[in-house]
Amino acid sequence: METRENPAVQSATVLLISDDAAFSRSITTRWQSQSPAPAFTILSGDLWPRTMEGFEVAIVGPIRNASSAVILESLQAAARPVFCVCQDEASLLLVRRRWPHLAALRMHEDWLDSLVLAAREALGRRAAEARAEAADLRCALLERQAALGRYMLEMRHGLNNALTSLLGNSDLLLLAPENLPAPARSQIETIRSMTLRINEVMQRFSSLEKEMLVAAQQAERESEKCWVAAAARY
Protein backbone atom coordinates (compact mmCIF):
# COMPACT_ATOMS: atom_id res chain seq x y z
CA MET A 1 0.00 0.00 0.00
CA GLU A 2 1.32 3.45 -0.87
CA THR A 3 0.18 7.03 -0.84
CA ARG A 4 1.27 9.79 -3.22
CA GLU A 5 0.50 12.97 -1.29
CA ASN A 6 4.14 14.03 -0.97
CA PRO A 7 6.92 13.25 -3.51
CA ALA A 8 9.51 13.45 -0.74
CA VAL A 9 8.29 10.21 0.81
CA GLN A 10 6.73 8.34 -2.11
CA SER A 11 9.90 6.27 -2.59
CA ALA A 12 10.46 5.60 1.14
CA THR A 13 9.54 2.15 2.39
CA VAL A 14 8.77 0.98 5.92
CA LEU A 15 9.31 -2.74 6.48
CA LEU A 16 6.81 -4.40 8.84
CA ILE A 17 7.63 -7.89 10.12
CA SER A 18 5.09 -9.67 12.29
CA ASP A 19 2.97 -12.79 12.46
CA ASP A 20 0.13 -10.74 13.93
CA ALA A 21 -1.92 -9.23 11.10
CA ALA A 22 -3.69 -6.89 13.52
CA PHE A 23 -0.33 -5.46 14.61
CA SER A 24 0.70 -4.56 11.07
CA ARG A 25 -2.77 -3.28 10.22
CA SER A 26 -2.88 -1.01 13.26
CA ILE A 27 0.46 0.58 12.32
CA THR A 28 -0.39 1.17 8.67
CA THR A 29 -3.82 2.56 9.57
CA ARG A 30 -2.39 4.87 12.24
CA TRP A 31 0.41 6.09 9.97
CA GLN A 32 -1.84 6.67 6.97
CA SER A 33 -4.16 8.79 9.07
CA GLN A 34 -1.40 11.41 8.96
CA SER A 35 -0.14 12.33 5.51
CA PRO A 36 2.32 11.90 4.01
CA ALA A 37 2.60 8.14 4.36
CA PRO A 38 5.36 5.93 2.97
CA ALA A 39 5.02 2.61 1.20
CA PHE A 40 4.80 -0.46 3.43
CA THR A 41 6.32 -3.89 2.87
CA ILE A 42 4.65 -6.42 5.19
CA LEU A 43 6.24 -9.80 5.90
CA SER A 44 5.57 -12.62 8.32
CA GLY A 45 8.38 -14.35 10.19
CA ASP A 46 8.12 -17.36 7.89
CA LEU A 47 8.63 -15.21 4.80
CA TRP A 48 11.76 -13.45 6.03
CA PRO A 49 14.29 -13.77 3.16
CA ARG A 50 17.42 -13.68 5.39
CA THR A 51 18.62 -10.53 3.65
CA MET A 52 16.43 -7.57 2.87
CA GLU A 53 17.16 -4.37 0.99
CA GLY A 54 15.07 -1.48 -0.26
CA PHE A 55 13.66 -0.19 3.03
CA GLU A 56 14.41 2.88 5.11
CA VAL A 57 12.91 1.91 8.47
CA ALA A 58 11.94 -1.51 9.88
CA ILE A 59 9.40 -2.36 12.57
CA VAL A 60 9.35 -5.83 14.15
CA GLY A 61 6.30 -7.03 16.06
CA PRO A 62 5.17 -10.35 17.54
CA ILE A 63 6.64 -13.40 15.77
CA ARG A 64 5.42 -16.89 16.62
CA ASN A 65 8.35 -19.06 15.60
CA ALA A 66 11.98 -19.09 16.70
CA SER A 67 13.21 -17.00 13.75
CA SER A 68 13.06 -13.68 15.61
CA ALA A 69 16.76 -13.87 16.57
CA VAL A 70 17.78 -14.41 12.94
CA ILE A 71 15.59 -11.53 11.81
CA LEU A 72 16.93 -9.13 14.43
CA GLU A 73 20.53 -10.09 13.67
CA SER A 74 19.98 -9.38 9.98
CA LEU A 75 18.27 -6.07 10.65
CA GLN A 76 20.97 -4.91 13.04
CA ALA A 77 23.55 -5.58 10.31
CA ALA A 78 21.50 -3.56 7.81
CA ALA A 79 22.51 -0.27 9.48
CA ARG A 80 19.01 1.21 9.22
CA PRO A 81 16.63 2.36 11.96
CA VAL A 82 14.87 -0.67 13.43
CA PHE A 83 12.09 -0.61 16.05
CA CYS A 84 11.30 -3.80 17.94
CA VAL A 85 7.97 -3.86 19.77
CA CYS A 86 8.03 -6.25 22.74
CA GLN A 87 5.00 -7.66 24.54
CA ASP A 88 6.60 -8.01 27.99
CA GLU A 89 9.48 -6.69 30.08
CA ALA A 90 11.60 -9.84 29.69
CA SER A 91 11.55 -9.61 25.90
CA LEU A 92 12.34 -5.90 26.10
CA LEU A 93 15.42 -6.50 28.26
CA LEU A 94 16.56 -9.35 26.01
CA VAL A 95 16.40 -7.24 22.87
CA ARG A 96 18.22 -4.33 24.50
CA ARG A 97 20.97 -6.64 25.74
CA ARG A 98 21.53 -8.72 22.59
CA TRP A 99 20.80 -6.09 19.94
CA PRO A 100 21.75 -2.74 21.46
CA HIS A 101 21.60 -0.92 18.11
CA LEU A 102 17.89 -1.60 17.77
CA ALA A 103 15.24 0.62 19.34
CA ALA A 104 13.12 -1.56 21.64
CA LEU A 105 9.86 -0.49 23.23
CA ARG A 106 7.20 -2.33 25.16
CA MET A 107 3.50 -2.35 24.34
CA HIS A 108 1.77 0.05 26.70
CA GLU A 109 -1.19 2.36 26.56
CA ASP A 110 0.34 4.80 24.07
CA TRP A 111 2.79 2.49 22.34
CA LEU A 112 1.25 2.90 18.88
CA ASP A 113 1.45 6.70 18.86
CA SER A 114 4.98 6.61 20.27
CA LEU A 115 6.10 4.06 17.70
CA VAL A 116 4.67 5.89 14.69
CA LEU A 117 6.09 9.22 15.90
CA ALA A 118 9.56 7.75 16.41
CA ALA A 119 9.48 5.90 13.08
CA ARG A 120 8.36 9.05 11.25
CA GLU A 121 11.26 10.95 12.80
CA ALA A 122 13.69 8.20 11.77
CA LEU A 123 12.31 8.28 8.25
CA GLY A 124 12.78 12.03 8.16
CA ARG A 125 16.40 11.67 9.30
CA ARG A 126 17.05 9.09 6.60
CA ALA A 127 15.62 11.45 3.98
CA ALA A 128 17.75 14.32 5.32
CA GLU A 129 20.86 12.15 5.23
CA ALA A 130 20.10 11.16 1.63
CA ARG A 131 19.66 14.82 0.66
CA ALA A 132 22.92 15.72 2.39
CA GLU A 133 24.75 12.93 0.59
CA ALA A 134 23.34 14.07 -2.75
CA ALA A 135 24.36 17.64 -1.94
CA ASP A 136 27.89 16.46 -1.15
CA LEU A 137 28.09 14.69 -4.50
CA ARG A 138 26.85 17.79 -6.32
CA CYS A 139 29.35 19.91 -4.42
CA ALA A 140 32.20 17.58 -5.36
CA LEU A 141 31.13 17.75 -9.01
CA LEU A 142 30.97 21.54 -8.88
CA GLU A 143 34.41 21.65 -7.31
CA ARG A 144 35.83 19.53 -10.13
CA GLN A 145 34.15 21.74 -12.70
CA ALA A 146 35.46 24.86 -10.93
CA ALA A 147 38.98 23.43 -10.98
CA LEU A 148 38.65 22.80 -14.71
CA GLY A 149 37.36 26.33 -15.21
CA ARG A 150 40.29 27.79 -13.26
CA TYR A 151 42.70 25.74 -15.33
CA MET A 152 41.12 27.02 -18.54
CA LEU A 153 41.44 30.59 -17.30
CA GLU A 154 45.09 30.07 -16.44
CA MET A 155 45.85 28.46 -19.81
CA ARG A 156 43.75 30.87 -21.87
CA HIS A 157 46.52 33.32 -22.70
CA GLY A 158 48.96 30.59 -23.68
CA LEU A 159 46.34 28.92 -25.83
CA ASN A 160 45.45 32.22 -27.51
CA ASN A 161 49.12 32.80 -28.30
CA ALA A 162 49.35 29.35 -29.86
CA LEU A 163 46.21 30.00 -31.91
CA THR A 164 47.59 33.35 -33.10
CA SER A 165 50.78 31.63 -34.22
CA LEU A 166 48.86 28.94 -36.08
CA LEU A 167 46.65 31.49 -37.84
CA GLY A 168 49.56 33.74 -38.72
CA ASN A 169 51.69 30.98 -40.17
CA SER A 170 48.82 29.39 -42.08
CA ASP A 171 47.88 32.80 -43.52
CA LEU A 172 51.50 33.37 -44.61
CA LEU A 173 51.63 30.01 -46.35
CA LEU A 174 48.31 30.62 -48.06
CA LEU A 175 49.47 34.02 -49.41
CA ALA A 176 51.27 32.13 -52.16
CA PRO A 177 49.13 29.04 -52.75
CA GLU A 178 50.74 28.43 -56.15
CA ASN A 179 53.95 27.49 -54.34
CA LEU A 180 52.20 24.70 -52.42
CA PRO A 181 51.23 21.25 -53.61
CA ALA A 182 47.45 20.82 -53.75
CA PRO A 183 47.32 18.28 -50.85
CA ALA A 184 49.45 20.55 -48.63
CA ARG A 185 47.31 23.58 -49.48
CA SER A 186 44.16 21.67 -48.54
CA GLN A 187 45.70 20.56 -45.24
CA ILE A 188 46.81 24.10 -44.36
CA GLU A 189 43.32 25.41 -45.10
CA THR A 190 41.90 22.75 -42.81
CA ILE A 191 44.36 23.75 -40.05
CA ARG A 192 43.37 27.39 -40.47
CA SER A 193 39.65 26.58 -40.40
CA MET A 194 39.95 24.45 -37.25
CA THR A 195 42.10 27.11 -35.60
CA LEU A 196 39.41 29.70 -36.26
CA ARG A 197 36.81 27.36 -34.74
CA ILE A 198 38.91 26.89 -31.60
CA ASN A 199 39.37 30.65 -31.43
CA GLU A 200 35.58 31.10 -31.51
CA VAL A 201 35.26 28.68 -28.60
CA MET A 202 37.86 30.63 -26.62
CA GLN A 203 36.08 33.90 -27.39
CA ARG A 204 32.83 32.41 -26.14
CA PHE A 205 34.65 31.23 -23.00
CA SER A 206 35.86 34.79 -22.37
CA SER A 207 32.33 36.10 -22.95
CA LEU A 208 30.90 33.61 -20.46
CA GLU A 209 33.48 34.66 -17.89
CA LYS A 210 32.39 38.31 -18.25
CA GLU A 211 28.71 37.34 -18.03
CA MET A 212 29.32 35.32 -14.87
CA LEU A 213 31.28 38.20 -13.35
CA VAL A 214 28.45 40.64 -14.10
CA ALA A 215 25.88 38.21 -12.66
CA ALA A 216 27.97 37.77 -9.50
CA GLN A 217 28.29 41.53 -9.07
CA GLN A 218 24.54 41.95 -9.58
CA ALA A 219 23.79 39.22 -7.02
CA GLU A 220 26.14 40.92 -4.57
CA ARG A 221 24.40 44.26 -5.05
CA GLU A 222 20.98 42.64 -4.56
CA SER A 223 22.24 40.94 -1.41
CA GLU A 224 23.50 44.26 -0.07
CA LYS A 225 20.13 45.89 -0.81
CA CYS A 226 18.30 43.12 1.03
CA TRP A 227 20.66 43.44 3.98
CA VAL A 228 20.19 47.22 4.14
CA ALA A 229 16.40 46.85 3.89
CA ALA A 230 16.39 44.20 6.63
CA ALA A 231 18.60 46.35 8.86
CA ALA A 232 16.31 49.36 8.32
CA ARG A 233 13.34 47.42 9.67
CA TYR A 234 15.05 47.01 13.03
C-alpha atoms as a PDB file:
ATOM      1  CA  MET A   1       0.000   0.000   0.000  1.00  0.00           C
ATOM      2  CA  GLU A   2       1.322   3.455  -0.871  1.00  0.00           C
ATOM      3  CA  THR A   3       0.183   7.031  -0.840  1.00  0.00           C
ATOM      4  CA  ARG A   4       1.275   9.791  -3.223  1.00  0.00           C
ATOM      5  CA  GLU A   5       0.503  12.969  -1.286  1.00  0.00           C
ATOM      6  CA  ASN A   6       4.141  14.033  -0.974  1.00  0.00           C
ATOM      7  CA  PRO A   7       6.916  13.248  -3.514  1.00  0.00           C
ATOM      8  CA  ALA A   8       9.513  13.452  -0.744  1.00  0.00           C
ATOM      9  CA  VAL A   9       8.289  10.206   0.811  1.00  0.00           C
ATOM     10  CA  GLN A  10       6.731   8.342  -2.105  1.00  0.00           C
ATOM     11  CA  SER A  11       9.899   6.267  -2.591  1.00  0.00           C
ATOM     12  CA  ALA A  12      10.457   5.602   1.135  1.00  0.00           C
ATOM     13  CA  THR A  13       9.537   2.148   2.395  1.00  0.00           C
ATOM     14  CA  VAL A  14       8.773   0.979   5.919  1.00  0.00           C
ATOM     15  CA  LEU A  15       9.310  -2.738   6.476  1.00  0.00           C
ATOM     16  CA  LEU A  16       6.807  -4.405   8.839  1.00  0.00           C
ATOM     17  CA  ILE A  17       7.634  -7.890  10.122  1.00  0.00           C
ATOM     18  CA  SER A  18       5.085  -9.674  12.290  1.00  0.00           C
ATOM     19  CA  ASP A  19       2.972 -12.794  12.460  1.00  0.00           C
ATOM     20  CA  ASP A  20       0.129 -10.737  13.933  1.00  0.00           C
ATOM     21  CA  ALA A  21      -1.917  -9.230  11.100  1.00  0.00           C
ATOM     22  CA  ALA A  22      -3.692  -6.894  13.516  1.00  0.00           C
ATOM     23  CA  PHE A  23      -0.334  -5.464  14.610  1.00  0.00           C
ATOM     24  CA  SER A  24       0.700  -4.560  11.066  1.00  0.00           C
ATOM     25  CA  ARG A  25      -2.774  -3.285  10.217  1.00  0.00           C
ATOM     26  CA  SER A  26      -2.877  -1.007  13.258  1.00  0.00           C
ATOM     27  CA  ILE A  27       0.464   0.578  12.317  1.00  0.00           C
ATOM     28  CA  THR A  28      -0.389   1.175   8.666  1.00  0.00           C
ATOM     29  CA  THR A  29      -3.816   2.556   9.570  1.00  0.00           C
ATOM     30  CA  ARG A  30      -2.395   4.866  12.244  1.00  0.00           C
ATOM     31  CA  TRP A  31       0.407   6.087   9.971  1.00  0.00           C
ATOM     32  CA  GLN A  32      -1.837   6.672   6.974  1.00  0.00           C
ATOM     33  CA  SER A  33      -4.157   8.789   9.074  1.00  0.00           C
ATOM     34  CA  GLN A  34      -1.400  11.405   8.964  1.00  0.00           C
ATOM     35  CA  SER A  35      -0.140  12.331   5.510  1.00  0.00           C
ATOM     36  CA  PRO A  36       2.323  11.896   4.014  1.00  0.00           C
ATOM     37  CA  ALA A  37       2.598   8.141   4.362  1.00  0.00           C
ATOM     38  CA  PRO A  38       5.361   5.928   2.966  1.00  0.00           C
ATOM     39  CA  ALA A  39       5.016   2.611   1.200  1.00  0.00           C
ATOM     40  CA  PHE A  40       4.803  -0.457   3.429  1.00  0.00           C
ATOM     41  CA  THR A  41       6.317  -3.885   2.870  1.00  0.00           C
ATOM     42  CA  ILE A  42       4.653  -6.420   5.186  1.00  0.00           C
ATOM     43  CA  LEU A  43       6.238  -9.802   5.902  1.00  0.00           C
ATOM     44  CA  SER A  44       5.570 -12.615   8.323  1.00  0.00           C
ATOM     45  CA  GLY A  45       8.382 -14.351  10.195  1.00  0.00           C
ATOM     46  CA  ASP A  46       8.119 -17.364   7.889  1.00  0.00           C
ATOM     47  CA  LEU A  47       8.627 -15.211   4.802  1.00  0.00           C
ATOM     48  CA  TRP A  48      11.758 -13.449   6.028  1.00  0.00           C
ATOM     49  CA  PRO A  49      14.288 -13.766   3.165  1.00  0.00           C
ATOM     50  CA  ARG A  50      17.422 -13.681   5.391  1.00  0.00           C
ATOM     51  CA  THR A  51      18.624 -10.533   3.648  1.00  0.00           C
ATOM     52  CA  MET A  52      16.430  -7.574   2.873  1.00  0.00           C
ATOM     53  CA  GLU A  53      17.156  -4.371   0.990  1.00  0.00           C
ATOM     54  CA  GLY A  54      15.070  -1.479  -0.258  1.00  0.00           C
ATOM     55  CA  PHE A  55      13.658  -0.190   3.033  1.00  0.00           C
ATOM     56  CA  GLU A  56      14.414   2.881   5.114  1.00  0.00           C
ATOM     57  CA  VAL A  57      12.906   1.913   8.474  1.00  0.00           C
ATOM     58  CA  ALA A  58      11.943  -1.512   9.880  1.00  0.00           C
ATOM     59  CA  ILE A  59       9.402  -2.361  12.569  1.00  0.00           C
ATOM     60  CA  VAL A  60       9.352  -5.829  14.153  1.00  0.00           C
ATOM     61  CA  GLY A  61       6.296  -7.027  16.061  1.00  0.00           C
ATOM     62  CA  PRO A  62       5.168 -10.348  17.544  1.00  0.00           C
ATOM     63  CA  ILE A  63       6.643 -13.395  15.768  1.00  0.00           C
ATOM     64  CA  ARG A  64       5.416 -16.887  16.615  1.00  0.00           C
ATOM     65  CA  ASN A  65       8.348 -19.060  15.604  1.00  0.00           C
ATOM     66  CA  ALA A  66      11.979 -19.088  16.697  1.00  0.00           C
ATOM     67  CA  SER A  67      13.214 -16.998  13.745  1.00  0.00           C
ATOM     68  CA  SER A  68      13.064 -13.683  15.613  1.00  0.00           C
ATOM     69  CA  ALA A  69      16.758 -13.868  16.570  1.00  0.00           C
ATOM     70  CA  VAL A  70      17.782 -14.406  12.945  1.00  0.00           C
ATOM     71  CA  ILE A  71      15.589 -11.533  11.815  1.00  0.00           C
ATOM     72  CA  LEU A  72      16.932  -9.134  14.434  1.00  0.00           C
ATOM     73  CA  GLU A  73      20.529 -10.093  13.669  1.00  0.00           C
ATOM     74  CA  SER A  74      19.977  -9.382   9.977  1.00  0.00           C
ATOM     75  CA  LEU A  75      18.268  -6.068  10.650  1.00  0.00           C
ATOM     76  CA  GLN A  76      20.973  -4.914  13.040  1.00  0.00           C
ATOM     77  CA  ALA A  77      23.554  -5.585  10.311  1.00  0.00           C
ATOM     78  CA  ALA A  78      21.500  -3.563   7.805  1.00  0.00           C
ATOM     79  CA  ALA A  79      22.507  -0.270   9.476  1.00  0.00           C
ATOM     80  CA  ARG A  80      19.011   1.212   9.224  1.00  0.00           C
ATOM     81  CA  PRO A  81      16.626   2.360  11.956  1.00  0.00           C
ATOM     82  CA  VAL A  82      14.866  -0.673  13.431  1.00  0.00           C
ATOM     83  CA  PHE A  83      12.095  -0.611  16.048  1.00  0.00           C
ATOM     84  CA  CYS A  84      11.302  -3.803  17.939  1.00  0.00           C
ATOM     85  CA  VAL A  85       7.967  -3.855  19.772  1.00  0.00           C
ATOM     86  CA  CYS A  86       8.030  -6.247  22.739  1.00  0.00           C
ATOM     87  CA  GLN A  87       5.002  -7.661  24.540  1.00  0.00           C
ATOM     88  CA  ASP A  88       6.596  -8.005  27.989  1.00  0.00           C
ATOM     89  CA  GLU A  89       9.475  -6.693  30.082  1.00  0.00           C
ATOM     90  CA  ALA A  90      11.603  -9.842  29.688  1.00  0.00           C
ATOM     91  CA  SER A  91      11.548  -9.607  25.896  1.00  0.00           C
ATOM     92  CA  LEU A  92      12.344  -5.904  26.101  1.00  0.00           C
ATOM     93  CA  LEU A  93      15.420  -6.503  28.262  1.00  0.00           C
ATOM     94  CA  LEU A  94      16.563  -9.348  26.010  1.00  0.00           C
ATOM     95  CA  VAL A  95      16.398  -7.236  22.866  1.00  0.00           C
ATOM     96  CA  ARG A  96      18.218  -4.332  24.499  1.00  0.00           C
ATOM     97  CA  ARG A  97      20.974  -6.642  25.744  1.00  0.00           C
ATOM     98  CA  ARG A  98      21.527  -8.717  22.586  1.00  0.00           C
ATOM     99  CA  TRP A  99      20.801  -6.088  19.935  1.00  0.00           C
ATOM    100  CA  PRO A 100      21.754  -2.736  21.461  1.00  0.00           C
ATOM    101  CA  HIS A 101      21.604  -0.915  18.107  1.00  0.00           C
ATOM    102  CA  LEU A 102      17.885  -1.601  17.775  1.00  0.00           C
ATOM    103  CA  ALA A 103      15.244   0.622  19.343  1.00  0.00           C
ATOM    104  CA  ALA A 104      13.120  -1.563  21.640  1.00  0.00           C
ATOM    105  CA  LEU A 105       9.856  -0.490  23.229  1.00  0.00           C
ATOM    106  CA  ARG A 106       7.201  -2.328  25.158  1.00  0.00           C
ATOM    107  CA  MET A 107       3.501  -2.348  24.341  1.00  0.00           C
ATOM    108  CA  HIS A 108       1.768   0.049  26.698  1.00  0.00           C
ATOM    109  CA  GLU A 109      -1.188   2.363  26.559  1.00  0.00           C
ATOM    110  CA  ASP A 110       0.342   4.801  24.066  1.00  0.00           C
ATOM    111  CA  TRP A 111       2.787   2.488  22.342  1.00  0.00           C
ATOM    112  CA  LEU A 112       1.253   2.902  18.876  1.00  0.00           C
ATOM    113  CA  ASP A 113       1.449   6.697  18.861  1.00  0.00           C
ATOM    114  CA  SER A 114       4.976   6.607  20.267  1.00  0.00           C
ATOM    115  CA  LEU A 115       6.098   4.059  17.698  1.00  0.00           C
ATOM    116  CA  VAL A 116       4.666   5.894  14.687  1.00  0.00           C
ATOM    117  CA  LEU A 117       6.086   9.217  15.903  1.00  0.00           C
ATOM    118  CA  ALA A 118       9.560   7.750  16.411  1.00  0.00           C
ATOM    119  CA  ALA A 119       9.475   5.902  13.082  1.00  0.00           C
ATOM    120  CA  ARG A 120       8.365   9.050  11.254  1.00  0.00           C
ATOM    121  CA  GLU A 121      11.265  10.950  12.803  1.00  0.00           C
ATOM    122  CA  ALA A 122      13.686   8.196  11.775  1.00  0.00           C
ATOM    123  CA  LEU A 123      12.313   8.281   8.250  1.00  0.00           C
ATOM    124  CA  GLY A 124      12.784  12.034   8.159  1.00  0.00           C
ATOM    125  CA  ARG A 125      16.396  11.671   9.299  1.00  0.00           C
ATOM    126  CA  ARG A 126      17.046   9.089   6.604  1.00  0.00           C
ATOM    127  CA  ALA A 127      15.621  11.454   3.984  1.00  0.00           C
ATOM    128  CA  ALA A 128      17.751  14.321   5.323  1.00  0.00           C
ATOM    129  CA  GLU A 129      20.863  12.154   5.227  1.00  0.00           C
ATOM    130  CA  ALA A 130      20.099  11.164   1.633  1.00  0.00           C
ATOM    131  CA  ARG A 131      19.664  14.816   0.655  1.00  0.00           C
ATOM    132  CA  ALA A 132      22.921  15.721   2.391  1.00  0.00           C
ATOM    133  CA  GLU A 133      24.754  12.927   0.589  1.00  0.00           C
ATOM    134  CA  ALA A 134      23.336  14.066  -2.749  1.00  0.00           C
ATOM    135  CA  ALA A 135      24.364  17.644  -1.944  1.00  0.00           C
ATOM    136  CA  ASP A 136      27.895  16.463  -1.149  1.00  0.00           C
ATOM    137  CA  LEU A 137      28.088  14.686  -4.498  1.00  0.00           C
ATOM    138  CA  ARG A 138      26.853  17.790  -6.323  1.00  0.00           C
ATOM    139  CA  CYS A 139      29.349  19.910  -4.419  1.00  0.00           C
ATOM    140  CA  ALA A 140      32.203  17.579  -5.361  1.00  0.00           C
ATOM    141  CA  LEU A 141      31.129  17.752  -9.010  1.00  0.00           C
ATOM    142  CA  LEU A 142      30.974  21.544  -8.883  1.00  0.00           C
ATOM    143  CA  GLU A 143      34.414  21.646  -7.312  1.00  0.00           C
ATOM    144  CA  ARG A 144      35.830  19.527 -10.125  1.00  0.00           C
ATOM    145  CA  GLN A 145      34.150  21.740 -12.699  1.00  0.00           C
ATOM    146  CA  ALA A 146      35.458  24.860 -10.933  1.00  0.00           C
ATOM    147  CA  ALA A 147      38.983  23.429 -10.976  1.00  0.00           C
ATOM    148  CA  LEU A 148      38.653  22.800 -14.709  1.00  0.00           C
ATOM    149  CA  GLY A 149      37.356  26.331 -15.211  1.00  0.00           C
ATOM    150  CA  ARG A 150      40.286  27.787 -13.264  1.00  0.00           C
ATOM    151  CA  TYR A 151      42.697  25.738 -15.333  1.00  0.00           C
ATOM    152  CA  MET A 152      41.116  27.023 -18.544  1.00  0.00           C
ATOM    153  CA  LEU A 153      41.435  30.591 -17.299  1.00  0.00           C
ATOM    154  CA  GLU A 154      45.091  30.067 -16.444  1.00  0.00           C
ATOM    155  CA  MET A 155      45.846  28.465 -19.807  1.00  0.00           C
ATOM    156  CA  ARG A 156      43.752  30.875 -21.872  1.00  0.00           C
ATOM    157  CA  HIS A 157      46.524  33.319 -22.697  1.00  0.00           C
ATOM    158  CA  GLY A 158      48.963  30.591 -23.682  1.00  0.00           C
ATOM    159  CA  LEU A 159      46.345  28.920 -25.830  1.00  0.00           C
ATOM    160  CA  ASN A 160      45.447  32.221 -27.509  1.00  0.00           C
ATOM    161  CA  ASN A 161      49.116  32.804 -28.296  1.00  0.00           C
ATOM    162  CA  ALA A 162      49.348  29.354 -29.857  1.00  0.00           C
ATOM    163  CA  LEU A 163      46.207  30.001 -31.912  1.00  0.00           C
ATOM    164  CA  THR A 164      47.593  33.351 -33.105  1.00  0.00           C
ATOM    165  CA  SER A 165      50.782  31.632 -34.221  1.00  0.00           C
ATOM    166  CA  LEU A 166      48.858  28.945 -36.079  1.00  0.00           C
ATOM    167  CA  LEU A 167      46.647  31.491 -37.836  1.00  0.00           C
ATOM    168  CA  GLY A 168      49.559  33.743 -38.721  1.00  0.00           C
ATOM    169  CA  ASN A 169      51.689  30.976 -40.174  1.00  0.00           C
ATOM    170  CA  SER A 170      48.825  29.394 -42.077  1.00  0.00           C
ATOM    171  CA  ASP A 171      47.880  32.802 -43.517  1.00  0.00           C
ATOM    172  CA  LEU A 172      51.500  33.375 -44.610  1.00  0.00           C
ATOM    173  CA  LEU A 173      51.627  30.008 -46.345  1.00  0.00           C
ATOM    174  CA  LEU A 174      48.315  30.624 -48.062  1.00  0.00           C
ATOM    175  CA  LEU A 175      49.473  34.019 -49.408  1.00  0.00           C
ATOM    176  CA  ALA A 176      51.272  32.126 -52.157  1.00  0.00           C
ATOM    177  CA  PRO A 177      49.127  29.037 -52.749  1.00  0.00           C
ATOM    178  CA  GLU A 178      50.742  28.434 -56.150  1.00  0.00           C
ATOM    179  CA  ASN A 179      53.948  27.486 -54.341  1.00  0.00           C
ATOM    180  CA  LEU A 180      52.204  24.703 -52.421  1.00  0.00           C
ATOM    181  CA  PRO A 181      51.225  21.255 -53.612  1.00  0.00           C
ATOM    182  CA  ALA A 182      47.451  20.816 -53.752  1.00  0.00           C
ATOM    183  CA  PRO A 183      47.318  18.282 -50.849  1.00  0.00           C
ATOM    184  CA  ALA A 184      49.452  20.551 -48.634  1.00  0.00           C
ATOM    185  CA  ARG A 185      47.311  23.575 -49.475  1.00  0.00           C
ATOM    186  CA  SER A 186      44.163  21.670 -48.536  1.00  0.00           C
ATOM    187  CA  GLN A 187      45.704  20.563 -45.240  1.00  0.00           C
ATOM    188  CA  ILE A 188      46.814  24.099 -44.360  1.00  0.00           C
ATOM    189  CA  GLU A 189      43.319  25.414 -45.102  1.00  0.00           C
ATOM    190  CA  THR A 190      41.898  22.753 -42.807  1.00  0.00           C
ATOM    191  CA  ILE A 191      44.364  23.750 -40.052  1.00  0.00           C
ATOM    192  CA  ARG A 192      43.373  27.395 -40.469  1.00  0.00           C
ATOM    193  CA  SER A 193      39.649  26.581 -40.404  1.00  0.00           C
ATOM    194  CA  MET A 194      39.954  24.446 -37.247  1.00  0.00           C
ATOM    195  CA  THR A 195      42.098  27.108 -35.602  1.00  0.00           C
ATOM    196  CA  LEU A 196      39.408  29.702 -36.260  1.00  0.00           C
ATOM    197  CA  ARG A 197      36.809  27.360 -34.743  1.00  0.00           C
ATOM    198  CA  ILE A 198      38.907  26.890 -31.604  1.00  0.00           C
ATOM    199  CA  ASN A 199      39.367  30.650 -31.431  1.00  0.00           C
ATOM    200  CA  GLU A 200      35.580  31.099 -31.514  1.00  0.00           C
ATOM    201  CA  VAL A 201      35.255  28.684 -28.603  1.00  0.00           C
ATOM    202  CA  MET A 202      37.863  30.627 -26.622  1.00  0.00           C
ATOM    203  CA  GLN A 203      36.084  33.899 -27.387  1.00  0.00           C
ATOM    204  CA  ARG A 204      32.835  32.406 -26.143  1.00  0.00           C
ATOM    205  CA  PHE A 205      34.646  31.227 -23.004  1.00  0.00           C
ATOM    206  CA  SER A 206      35.857  34.790 -22.368  1.00  0.00           C
ATOM    207  CA  SER A 207      32.332  36.105 -22.948  1.00  0.00           C
ATOM    208  CA  LEU A 208      30.904  33.613 -20.456  1.00  0.00           C
ATOM    209  CA  GLU A 209      33.481  34.662 -17.893  1.00  0.00           C
ATOM    210  CA  LYS A 210      32.392  38.305 -18.247  1.00  0.00           C
ATOM    211  CA  GLU A 211      28.709  37.342 -18.030  1.00  0.00           C
ATOM    212  CA  MET A 212      29.325  35.321 -14.871  1.00  0.00           C
ATOM    213  CA  LEU A 213      31.278  38.204 -13.346  1.00  0.00           C
ATOM    214  CA  VAL A 214      28.454  40.640 -14.103  1.00  0.00           C
ATOM    215  CA  ALA A 215      25.885  38.208 -12.660  1.00  0.00           C
ATOM    216  CA  ALA A 216      27.968  37.770  -9.502  1.00  0.00           C
ATOM    217  CA  GLN A 217      28.286  41.526  -9.071  1.00  0.00           C
ATOM    218  CA  GLN A 218      24.543  41.950  -9.579  1.00  0.00           C
ATOM    219  CA  ALA A 219      23.795  39.225  -7.019  1.00  0.00           C
ATOM    220  CA  GLU A 220      26.145  40.921  -4.566  1.00  0.00           C
ATOM    221  CA  ARG A 221      24.402  44.262  -5.045  1.00  0.00           C
ATOM    222  CA  GLU A 222      20.983  42.640  -4.562  1.00  0.00           C
ATOM    223  CA  SER A 223      22.236  40.942  -1.407  1.00  0.00           C
ATOM    224  CA  GLU A 224      23.504  44.265  -0.066  1.00  0.00           C
ATOM    225  CA  LYS A 225      20.130  45.893  -0.814  1.00  0.00           C
ATOM    226  CA  CYS A 226      18.297  43.119   1.035  1.00  0.00           C
ATOM    227  CA  TRP A 227      20.661  43.439   3.983  1.00  0.00           C
ATOM    228  CA  VAL A 228      20.188  47.218   4.136  1.00  0.00           C
ATOM    229  CA  ALA A 229      16.403  46.851   3.889  1.00  0.00           C
ATOM    230  CA  ALA A 230      16.389  44.203   6.633  1.00  0.00           C
ATOM    231  CA  ALA A 231      18.603  46.350   8.857  1.00  0.00           C
ATOM    232  CA  ALA A 232      16.306  49.356   8.323  1.00  0.00           C
ATOM    233  CA  ARG A 233      13.340  47.421   9.672  1.00  0.00           C
ATOM    234  CA  TYR A 234      15.047  47.012  13.025  1.00  0.00           C
END
